[in-house]
């Protein structure tokens, strides 16, 4: 949690358009997506920012990770063909074998 707060303060102080998005990392036949840990559980397609390979690299090792995976990204929101997308700048935190969704923890 302190790491997340430090990231927020850093982003605010430098005025970046990025935000922190927390959820579970999921994969379908199209690619990786984030199922946000919120009441609505919004879904965001994940894309790399220009000159970044974070999502591409994460997709390569996804099958070896223990599910569920709770992850937080520093990213910028973008609408892609009418769907929610995140242009990922960095991974803030990642925890394997743990879900942040309330229903999963009941």
Protein backbone atom coordinates (compact mmCIF):
# COMPACT_ATOMS: atom_id res chain seq x y z
CA UNK A 1 0.00 0.00 0.00
CA UNK A 2 2.78 2.52 0.75
CA UNK A 3 4.19 1.84 -2.72
CA UNK A 4 0.82 2.71 -4.30
CA UNK A 5 0.58 5.95 -2.30
CA UNK A 6 4.10 6.92 -3.30
CA UNK A 7 3.21 6.31 -6.95
CA UNK A 8 0.10 8.49 -6.67
CA UNK A 9 2.08 11.32 -5.10
CA UNK A 10 4.75 11.01 -7.80
CA UNK A 11 2.19 11.15 -10.62
CA UNK A 12 0.33 14.09 -9.12
CA UNK A 13 3.50 16.07 -8.50
CA UNK A 14 4.68 15.73 -12.10
CA UNK A 15 1.26 16.14 -13.70
CA UNK A 16 1.19 12.94 -15.76
CA UNK A 17 -2.13 11.87 -17.26
CA UNK A 18 -1.59 8.36 -15.91
CA UNK A 19 -3.58 6.82 -13.08
CA UNK A 20 -3.34 3.62 -11.06
CA UNK A 21 -5.69 0.80 -12.03
CA UNK A 22 -6.04 -2.21 -9.71
CA UNK A 23 -7.67 -5.51 -10.62
CA UNK A 24 -7.10 -9.10 -11.61
CA UNK A 25 -5.11 -10.00 -14.68
CA UNK A 26 -7.12 -12.15 -17.09
CA UNK A 27 -6.53 -13.59 -20.56
CA UNK A 28 -8.83 -14.53 -23.41
CA UNK A 29 -8.25 -15.42 -27.07
CA UNK A 30 -7.65 -11.72 -27.89
CA UNK A 31 -5.05 -11.00 -25.20
CA UNK A 32 -4.60 -9.77 -21.65
CA UNK A 33 -7.15 -7.62 -19.86
CA UNK A 34 -7.71 -6.16 -16.42
CA UNK A 35 -10.89 -6.90 -14.48
CA UNK A 36 -10.97 -3.89 -12.18
CA UNK A 37 -11.52 -4.40 -8.45
CA UNK A 38 -14.58 -2.23 -8.06
CA UNK A 39 -18.32 -2.81 -7.72
CA UNK A 40 -18.83 -2.71 -11.48
CA UNK A 41 -15.75 -4.84 -12.24
CA UNK A 42 -15.06 -2.89 -15.43
CA UNK A 43 -12.92 -4.66 -18.01
CA UNK A 44 -9.96 -2.95 -19.71
CA UNK A 45 -8.01 -4.26 -22.69
CA UNK A 46 -4.30 -3.85 -21.97
CA UNK A 47 -1.92 -2.25 -24.45
CA UNK A 48 1.68 -1.13 -24.25
CA UNK A 49 2.53 2.56 -24.30
CA UNK A 50 4.73 3.57 -27.23
CA UNK A 51 8.22 2.00 -27.04
CA UNK A 52 7.14 -0.26 -24.16
CA UNK A 53 6.89 -4.06 -24.06
CA UNK A 54 5.44 -4.55 -20.57
CA UNK A 55 2.19 -6.16 -21.73
CA UNK A 56 3.89 -8.18 -24.47
CA UNK A 57 6.37 -9.55 -21.91
CA UNK A 58 3.64 -10.21 -19.34
CA UNK A 59 1.60 -12.13 -21.92
CA UNK A 60 4.57 -14.43 -22.61
CA UNK A 61 4.86 -15.46 -18.95
CA UNK A 62 1.12 -15.42 -18.10
CA UNK A 63 0.68 -19.22 -18.27
CA UNK A 64 3.44 -19.74 -15.68
CA UNK A 65 1.87 -17.38 -13.11
CA UNK A 66 -0.35 -18.68 -10.28
CA UNK A 67 -3.94 -17.51 -10.75
CA UNK A 68 -5.70 -15.38 -9.67
CA UNK A 69 -3.27 -12.50 -10.13
CA UNK A 70 -3.94 -9.14 -8.48
CA UNK A 71 -2.06 -6.41 -10.27
CA UNK A 72 -1.87 -2.63 -10.33
CA UNK A 73 -0.81 -0.71 -13.39
CA UNK A 74 0.25 2.87 -13.91
CA UNK A 75 -1.62 3.56 -17.13
CA UNK A 76 -3.56 6.01 -19.22
CA UNK A 77 -7.20 5.34 -20.10
CA UNK A 78 -8.18 5.32 -23.75
CA UNK A 79 -11.31 4.24 -25.60
CA UNK A 80 -10.54 1.65 -28.29
CA UNK A 81 -13.33 0.86 -30.76
CA UNK A 82 -15.97 1.59 -28.13
CA UNK A 83 -14.22 -0.47 -25.41
CA UNK A 84 -12.13 0.46 -22.37
CA UNK A 85 -8.37 0.25 -22.90
CA UNK A 86 -5.36 0.99 -20.76
CA UNK A 87 -2.08 2.18 -22.22
CA UNK A 88 0.25 0.68 -19.63
CA UNK A 89 3.27 2.64 -18.51
CA UNK A 90 4.43 0.29 -15.73
CA UNK A 91 3.43 -2.42 -13.28
CA UNK A 92 3.13 -0.97 -9.80
CA UNK A 93 2.54 -4.21 -7.88
CA UNK A 94 1.69 -7.81 -8.73
CA UNK A 95 0.60 -10.61 -6.38
CA UNK A 96 0.04 -14.16 -7.57
CA UNK A 97 -2.56 -16.53 -6.09
CA UNK A 98 -4.63 -13.65 -4.67
CA UNK A 99 -7.84 -11.96 -5.81
CA UNK A 100 -8.89 -8.42 -4.94
CA UNK A 101 -12.56 -9.07 -5.81
CA UNK A 102 -14.91 -9.13 -2.83
CA UNK A 103 -16.98 -12.07 -4.10
CA UNK A 104 -13.85 -14.19 -4.54
CA UNK A 105 -12.93 -13.61 -0.90
CA UNK A 106 -16.29 -14.49 0.67
